[in-house]
Amino acid sequence: MSETDKEEIDRRHRARTAKRKAVVDKRIAAAQEDKGLLLVLTGNGKGKSSSAFGMVARTLGYGHKAAVFQFIKGKEEVGERAFFARDPNMRWERCGEGFTWETQNRDRDIAAARAGWEKAKEALADPSIHLVVLDELTYLITYRYLSLEEIMPAIEARPPMQHVVITGRGANDVFLEAADTVSAIRDVKHAFRAGVRAQKGIDL
């Protein structure tokens, strides 16, 4: 490549990136509102809870309080809980006994979900908690353990600067419509289907 060609490529690159920067800067300048966000992480792909726990790490990193309410699969011990438990600003509640095929007792599952939701409502009313994660909450609607009429008022009445993350497959349209941000994680390929079991540090 000649020096002239390189200079022309560099010139075009600078022009493209300058144009892009102007667009991004304009969007940043227009976004001046601060508010508590409702985020929904749904879809059949792996990583919904992990993404939520990443936001927990960010919150704790700034010295804010965070609370996680882990429904359905709350019986499992996960590395995130072991790690975050060290932080005095962290509250982590396991609100389930495992997936329905493990407990095989609908009444007990409903009781565990309702008990967990009562604890979550306390956090949703606490302005000192910066972030509340309602992990696998979507299943409580899908399995009819709780109703939207029970859940949405507490979310809508939360402190104005409190952020809430809902995770789980098959998020109800009411969650999607109420959310400020929705991410649908798609399942393309999963090691489990190839016979690889869940492993600590990656899945647990």
Protein backbone atom coordinates (compact mmCIF):
# COMPACT_ATOMS: atom_id res chain seq x y z
CA MET A 1 0.00 0.00 0.00
CA SER A 2 1.37 3.38 -0.98
CA GLU A 3 1.65 6.27 1.45
CA THR A 4 -0.98 8.13 -0.55
CA ASP A 5 -3.44 5.22 -0.28
CA LYS A 6 -2.84 4.97 3.46
CA GLU A 7 -3.46 8.67 3.93
CA GLU A 8 -6.71 8.41 1.99
CA ILE A 9 -7.88 5.42 4.09
CA ASP A 10 -7.00 7.32 7.27
CA ARG A 11 -8.87 10.40 6.03
CA ARG A 12 -12.01 8.39 5.28
CA HIS A 13 -11.78 6.66 8.65
CA ARG A 14 -11.55 9.98 10.48
CA ALA A 15 -14.51 11.33 8.54
CA ARG A 16 -16.66 8.29 9.32
CA THR A 17 -15.79 8.22 13.01
CA ALA A 18 -16.27 12.00 13.36
CA LYS A 19 -19.74 11.68 11.82
CA ARG A 20 -20.59 8.79 14.11
CA LYS A 21 -19.30 10.67 17.18
CA ALA A 22 -21.50 13.66 16.33
CA VAL A 23 -24.58 11.40 16.22
CA VAL A 24 -23.71 9.69 19.52
CA ASP A 25 -22.88 12.99 21.24
CA LYS A 26 -26.22 14.43 20.13
CA ARG A 27 -28.09 11.45 21.60
CA ILE A 28 -26.15 11.68 24.87
CA ALA A 29 -26.88 15.41 25.12
CA ALA A 30 -30.61 14.76 24.56
CA ALA A 31 -30.79 12.08 27.28
CA GLN A 32 -30.84 14.16 30.45
CA GLU A 33 -33.50 12.42 32.54
CA ASP A 34 -32.64 10.35 35.62
CA LYS A 35 -35.19 7.82 36.87
CA GLY A 36 -35.45 4.38 38.35
CA LEU A 37 -35.54 1.90 35.49
CA LEU A 38 -37.45 -1.32 35.03
CA LEU A 39 -35.39 -3.76 32.98
CA VAL A 40 -36.62 -7.13 31.68
CA LEU A 41 -34.19 -9.84 30.62
CA THR A 42 -36.05 -12.64 28.88
CA GLY A 43 -35.70 -15.21 26.09
CA ASN A 44 -34.59 -18.84 25.91
CA GLY A 45 -30.86 -18.14 25.88
CA LYS A 46 -28.32 -18.51 28.67
CA GLY A 47 -27.18 -15.45 30.58
CA LYS A 48 -30.26 -13.58 31.81
CA SER A 49 -29.49 -13.95 35.51
CA SER A 50 -25.78 -13.48 34.88
CA SER A 51 -26.51 -10.16 33.20
CA ALA A 52 -28.63 -9.07 36.16
CA PHE A 53 -25.88 -10.04 38.58
CA GLY A 54 -23.47 -7.95 36.54
CA MET A 55 -25.66 -4.96 37.32
CA VAL A 56 -25.53 -5.96 40.97
CA ALA A 57 -21.73 -5.80 40.78
CA ARG A 58 -21.92 -2.34 39.25
CA THR A 59 -24.30 -1.16 41.95
CA LEU A 60 -22.14 -2.48 44.77
CA GLY A 61 -19.07 -1.05 43.10
CA TYR A 62 -20.53 2.43 43.54
CA GLY A 63 -21.28 1.74 47.19
CA HIS A 64 -25.03 1.41 46.70
CA LYS A 65 -27.29 -1.25 48.18
CA ALA A 66 -28.65 -4.13 46.13
CA ALA A 67 -31.12 -6.92 46.80
CA VAL A 68 -31.62 -10.18 44.91
CA PHE A 69 -34.70 -12.36 45.26
CA GLN A 70 -34.08 -15.65 43.54
CA PHE A 71 -37.35 -17.43 42.82
CA ILE A 72 -37.89 -21.00 41.59
CA LYS A 73 -34.25 -22.10 41.35
CA GLY A 74 -33.37 -20.53 44.68
CA LYS A 75 -32.43 -23.89 46.20
CA GLU A 76 -29.19 -23.95 44.23
CA GLU A 77 -25.98 -22.50 45.63
CA VAL A 78 -24.47 -20.17 43.07
CA GLY A 79 -21.07 -18.52 42.91
CA GLU A 80 -22.55 -15.03 42.67
CA ARG A 81 -24.29 -15.42 46.02
CA ALA A 82 -21.11 -16.70 47.66
CA PHE A 83 -19.20 -13.72 46.30
CA PHE A 84 -21.73 -10.95 46.92
CA ALA A 85 -22.49 -12.18 50.45
CA ARG A 86 -19.19 -10.59 51.50
CA ASP A 87 -20.56 -7.11 50.79
CA PRO A 88 -22.53 -5.47 53.63
CA ASN A 89 -24.66 -3.63 51.04
CA MET A 90 -25.92 -6.91 49.58
CA ARG A 91 -29.12 -8.73 50.45
CA TRP A 92 -29.72 -12.10 48.79
CA GLU A 93 -32.88 -14.11 49.42
CA ARG A 94 -33.45 -17.61 48.09
CA CYS A 95 -37.20 -17.73 47.55
CA GLY A 96 -37.70 -21.16 46.05
CA GLU A 97 -36.91 -24.82 46.51
CA GLY A 98 -36.05 -25.68 42.94
CA PHE A 99 -37.87 -26.09 39.65
CA THR A 100 -41.30 -27.73 39.67
CA TRP A 101 -39.98 -31.06 38.43
CA GLU A 102 -37.76 -31.22 41.52
CA THR A 103 -40.29 -30.37 44.23
CA GLN A 104 -43.33 -31.94 42.53
CA ASN A 105 -45.47 -30.15 45.09
CA ARG A 106 -47.44 -27.20 43.72
CA ASP A 107 -48.78 -26.04 47.07
CA ARG A 108 -45.28 -25.91 48.54
CA ASP A 109 -43.96 -24.08 45.48
CA ILE A 110 -46.72 -21.48 45.74
CA ALA A 111 -46.08 -21.01 49.44
CA ALA A 112 -42.34 -20.49 48.83
CA ALA A 113 -43.04 -18.02 46.02
CA ARG A 114 -45.49 -16.03 48.12
CA ALA A 115 -43.17 -15.91 51.11
CA GLY A 116 -40.39 -14.69 48.84
CA TRP A 117 -42.61 -12.08 47.26
CA GLU A 118 -43.50 -10.64 50.67
CA LYS A 119 -39.78 -10.10 51.28
CA ALA A 120 -39.33 -8.61 47.81
CA LYS A 121 -42.16 -6.14 48.44
CA GLU A 122 -40.28 -4.85 51.48
CA ALA A 123 -37.23 -4.16 49.34
CA LEU A 124 -39.35 -2.52 46.64
CA ALA A 125 -40.60 -0.07 49.26
CA ASP A 126 -37.13 0.74 50.63
CA PRO A 127 -35.59 3.88 49.07
CA SER A 128 -32.14 2.97 50.40
CA ILE A 129 -31.96 -0.02 48.02
CA HIS A 130 -30.62 1.14 44.67
CA LEU A 131 -31.22 -2.08 42.71
CA VAL A 132 -33.69 -4.94 43.18
CA VAL A 133 -33.30 -8.09 41.09
CA LEU A 134 -36.36 -10.32 40.80
CA ASP A 135 -34.67 -13.37 39.37
CA GLU A 136 -36.95 -15.82 37.53
CA LEU A 137 -40.02 -13.77 38.47
CA THR A 138 -41.58 -14.50 35.08
CA TYR A 139 -42.20 -18.10 36.13
CA LEU A 140 -44.44 -16.99 39.00
CA ILE A 141 -46.86 -15.63 36.40
CA THR A 142 -46.43 -18.51 33.95
CA TYR A 143 -47.10 -21.11 36.66
CA ARG A 144 -49.83 -18.92 38.24
CA TYR A 145 -48.16 -18.85 41.63
CA LEU A 146 -48.83 -15.10 41.79
CA SER A 147 -50.90 -12.74 39.67
CA LEU A 148 -49.87 -9.59 37.86
CA GLU A 149 -52.39 -7.75 40.02
CA GLU A 150 -50.30 -8.70 43.05
CA ILE A 151 -46.93 -7.93 41.51
CA MET A 152 -47.27 -4.77 39.41
CA PRO A 153 -48.55 -2.36 42.10
CA ALA A 154 -45.43 -2.92 44.22
CA ILE A 155 -43.16 -2.40 41.21
CA GLU A 156 -45.00 0.71 40.04
CA ALA A 157 -45.08 2.25 43.54
CA ARG A 158 -41.38 1.73 44.26
CA PRO A 159 -39.14 4.70 45.15
CA PRO A 160 -38.57 6.92 42.08
CA MET A 161 -34.82 6.27 41.80
CA GLN A 162 -34.90 2.54 42.49
CA HIS A 163 -33.97 0.23 39.60
CA VAL A 164 -35.61 -3.18 39.15
CA VAL A 165 -34.52 -6.09 36.99
CA ILE A 166 -36.89 -8.95 36.14
CA THR A 167 -35.43 -12.09 34.61
CA GLY A 168 -36.88 -15.29 33.20
CA ARG A 169 -38.22 -16.92 30.08
CA GLY A 170 -41.55 -15.99 28.54
CA ALA A 171 -41.94 -12.57 30.13
CA ASN A 172 -45.58 -11.53 30.19
CA ASP A 173 -46.57 -8.69 27.87
CA VAL A 174 -47.45 -6.57 30.90
CA PHE A 175 -43.81 -6.74 32.02
CA LEU A 176 -42.60 -5.90 28.53
CA GLU A 177 -44.90 -2.91 28.17
CA ALA A 178 -44.04 -1.53 31.62
CA ALA A 179 -40.28 -1.94 31.14
CA ASP A 180 -37.93 0.85 30.14
CA THR A 181 -35.45 -1.64 28.68
CA VAL A 182 -36.12 -5.15 27.36
CA SER A 183 -33.45 -7.61 26.21
CA ALA A 184 -34.37 -10.96 24.69
CA ILE A 185 -31.51 -13.44 24.85
CA ARG A 186 -31.69 -16.00 22.03
CA ASP A 187 -30.68 -19.64 22.39
CA VAL A 188 -28.33 -20.54 19.54
CA LYS A 189 -26.34 -23.41 21.06
CA HIS A 190 -25.98 -24.86 24.55
CA ALA A 191 -23.38 -27.27 25.91
CA PHE A 192 -25.98 -29.07 28.06
CA ARG A 193 -27.67 -30.47 24.96
CA ALA A 194 -24.34 -32.03 24.01
CA GLY A 195 -24.18 -33.83 27.35
CA VAL A 196 -22.05 -31.33 29.25
CA ARG A 197 -23.29 -30.84 32.79
CA ALA A 198 -23.55 -27.52 34.64
CA GLN A 199 -20.16 -26.45 35.95
CA LYS A 200 -19.14 -24.17 38.81
CA GLY A 201 -17.97 -20.77 37.70
CA ILE A 202 -19.85 -20.95 34.41
CA ASP A 203 -23.33 -22.24 35.20
CA LEU A 204 -23.39 -22.23 39.00
